[in-house]
Amino acid sequence: MNNDFYQKLGRNIKARRKELGLTQQQLADKMDISLNFMGKIEVAFSKPSLDTLIEFAKNLDTTVSDLTRFDNEN
């Protein structure tokens, strides 16, 4: 997948995290990942595995489908 996918994914993760009022640190702690990795995913420097993406969906009370839905993007 191209980097554009991961940039949009990161924006969706960040938006959902903020909707829930969570900081990067709080979400990283819930997921047992480093704050550094959390931040890198949100800006597409790191690409999460499918398992990690599933954990994001669980911890953000959403679905993988919603996190990867980009139809509102340009």
C-alpha atoms as a PDB file:
ATOM      1  CA  MET A   1       0.000   0.000   0.000  1.00  0.00           C
ATOM      2  CA  ASN A   2       1.183   3.477  -0.664  1.00  0.00           C
ATOM      3  CA  ASN A   3       2.110   6.066   1.912  1.00  0.00           C
ATOM      4  CA  ASP A   4      -1.089   8.018   1.204  1.00  0.00           C
ATOM      5  CA  PHE A   5      -3.087   5.162   2.742  1.00  0.00           C
ATOM      6  CA  TYR A   6      -1.056   5.333   5.959  1.00  0.00           C
ATOM      7  CA  GLN A   7      -1.291   9.128   6.123  1.00  0.00           C
ATOM      8  CA  LYS A   8      -5.089   8.930   5.904  1.00  0.00           C
ATOM      9  CA  LEU A   9      -5.167   6.058   8.394  1.00  0.00           C
ATOM     10  CA  GLY A  10      -3.068   8.071  10.829  1.00  0.00           C
ATOM     11  CA  ARG A  11      -5.371  11.064  10.482  1.00  0.00           C
ATOM     12  CA  ASN A  12      -8.409   8.857  11.157  1.00  0.00           C
ATOM     13  CA  ILE A  13      -6.780   7.322  14.239  1.00  0.00           C
ATOM     14  CA  LYS A  14      -5.846  10.775  15.541  1.00  0.00           C
ATOM     15  CA  ALA A  15      -9.329  12.179  14.869  1.00  0.00           C
ATOM     16  CA  ARG A  16     -11.041   9.275  16.646  1.00  0.00           C
ATOM     17  CA  ARG A  17      -8.606   9.490  19.571  1.00  0.00           C
ATOM     18  CA  LYS A  18      -9.396  13.187  19.953  1.00  0.00           C
ATOM     19  CA  GLU A  19     -13.159  12.523  19.679  1.00  0.00           C
ATOM     20  CA  LEU A  20     -12.784  10.279  22.709  1.00  0.00           C
ATOM     21  CA  GLY A  21     -10.727  12.881  24.568  1.00  0.00           C
ATOM     22  CA  LEU A  22      -7.633  10.682  24.747  1.00  0.00           C
ATOM     23  CA  THR A  23      -4.048  11.873  24.590  1.00  0.00           C
ATOM     24  CA  GLN A  24      -1.476   9.961  22.589  1.00  0.00           C
ATOM     25  CA  GLN A  25       0.013   8.791  25.883  1.00  0.00           C
ATOM     26  CA  GLN A  26      -3.318   7.504  27.193  1.00  0.00           C
ATOM     27  CA  LEU A  27      -3.998   5.525  24.025  1.00  0.00           C
ATOM     28  CA  ALA A  28      -0.438   4.207  23.896  1.00  0.00           C
ATOM     29  CA  ASP A  29      -0.773   3.036  27.502  1.00  0.00           C
ATOM     30  CA  LYS A  30      -4.110   1.305  26.784  1.00  0.00           C
ATOM     31  CA  MET A  31      -2.520  -0.485  23.836  1.00  0.00           C
ATOM     32  CA  ASP A  32       0.787  -1.237  25.577  1.00  0.00           C
ATOM     33  CA  ILE A  33       2.804   0.496  22.854  1.00  0.00           C
ATOM     34  CA  SER A  34       5.335   3.298  23.171  1.00  0.00           C
ATOM     35  CA  LEU A  35       4.346   6.934  22.857  1.00  0.00           C
ATOM     36  CA  ASN A  36       6.973   7.206  20.119  1.00  0.00           C
ATOM     37  CA  PHE A  37       5.354   4.416  18.065  1.00  0.00           C
ATOM     38  CA  MET A  38       1.916   5.929  18.669  1.00  0.00           C
ATOM     39  CA  GLY A  39       3.044   9.279  17.305  1.00  0.00           C
ATOM     40  CA  LYS A  40       4.787   7.706  14.321  1.00  0.00           C
ATOM     41  CA  ILE A  41       1.619   5.858  13.316  1.00  0.00           C
ATOM     42  CA  GLU A  42      -0.417   9.060  13.405  1.00  0.00           C
ATOM     43  CA  VAL A  43       2.018  10.771  11.009  1.00  0.00           C
ATOM     44  CA  ALA A  44       2.665   7.680   8.848  1.00  0.00           C
ATOM     45  CA  PHE A  45       6.339   7.248   9.772  1.00  0.00           C
ATOM     46  CA  SER A  46       5.440   3.770  11.012  1.00  0.00           C
ATOM     47  CA  LYS A  47       2.978   1.358   9.478  1.00  0.00           C
ATOM     48  CA  PRO A  48       0.880  -0.674  11.920  1.00  0.00           C
ATOM     49  CA  SER A  49       0.408  -4.388  11.431  1.00  0.00           C
ATOM     50  CA  LEU A  50      -3.080  -5.759  10.977  1.00  0.00           C
ATOM     51  CA  ASP A  51      -3.051  -6.958  14.592  1.00  0.00           C
ATOM     52  CA  THR A  52      -2.124  -3.463  15.776  1.00  0.00           C
ATOM     53  CA  LEU A  53      -4.822  -1.938  13.589  1.00  0.00           C
ATOM     54  CA  ILE A  54      -7.377  -4.286  15.159  1.00  0.00           C
ATOM     55  CA  GLU A  55      -6.186  -3.207  18.614  1.00  0.00           C
ATOM     56  CA  PHE A  56      -6.576   0.449  17.623  1.00  0.00           C
ATOM     57  CA  ALA A  57     -10.150  -0.244  16.556  1.00  0.00           C
ATOM     58  CA  LYS A  58     -10.934  -2.006  19.849  1.00  0.00           C
ATOM     59  CA  ASN A  59      -9.355   0.695  21.991  1.00  0.00           C
ATOM     60  CA  LEU A  60     -11.011   3.481  20.008  1.00  0.00           C
ATOM     61  CA  ASP A  61     -14.422   1.781  20.193  1.00  0.00           C
ATOM     62  CA  THR A  62     -14.735   1.617  16.421  1.00  0.00           C
ATOM     63  CA  THR A  63     -14.051  -0.795  13.579  1.00  0.00           C
ATOM     64  CA  VAL A  64     -11.110  -1.356  11.267  1.00  0.00           C
ATOM     65  CA  SER A  65     -13.500  -0.537   8.453  1.00  0.00           C
ATOM     66  CA  ASP A  66     -14.215   2.881   9.957  1.00  0.00           C
ATOM     67  CA  LEU A  67     -10.527   3.591  10.526  1.00  0.00           C
ATOM     68  CA  THR A  68      -9.768   2.765   6.897  1.00  0.00           C
ATOM     69  CA  ARG A  69     -12.729   4.641   5.413  1.00  0.00           C
ATOM     70  CA  PHE A  70     -11.394   7.606   3.474  1.00  0.00           C
ATOM     71  CA  ASP A  71     -14.406   8.595   1.354  1.00  0.00           C
ATOM     72  CA  ASN A  72     -14.546  12.005   3.056  1.00  0.00           C
ATOM     73  CA  GLU A  73     -10.986  12.725   1.938  1.00  0.00           C
ATOM     74  CA  ASN A  74     -10.004  14.581  -1.196  1.00  0.00           C
END
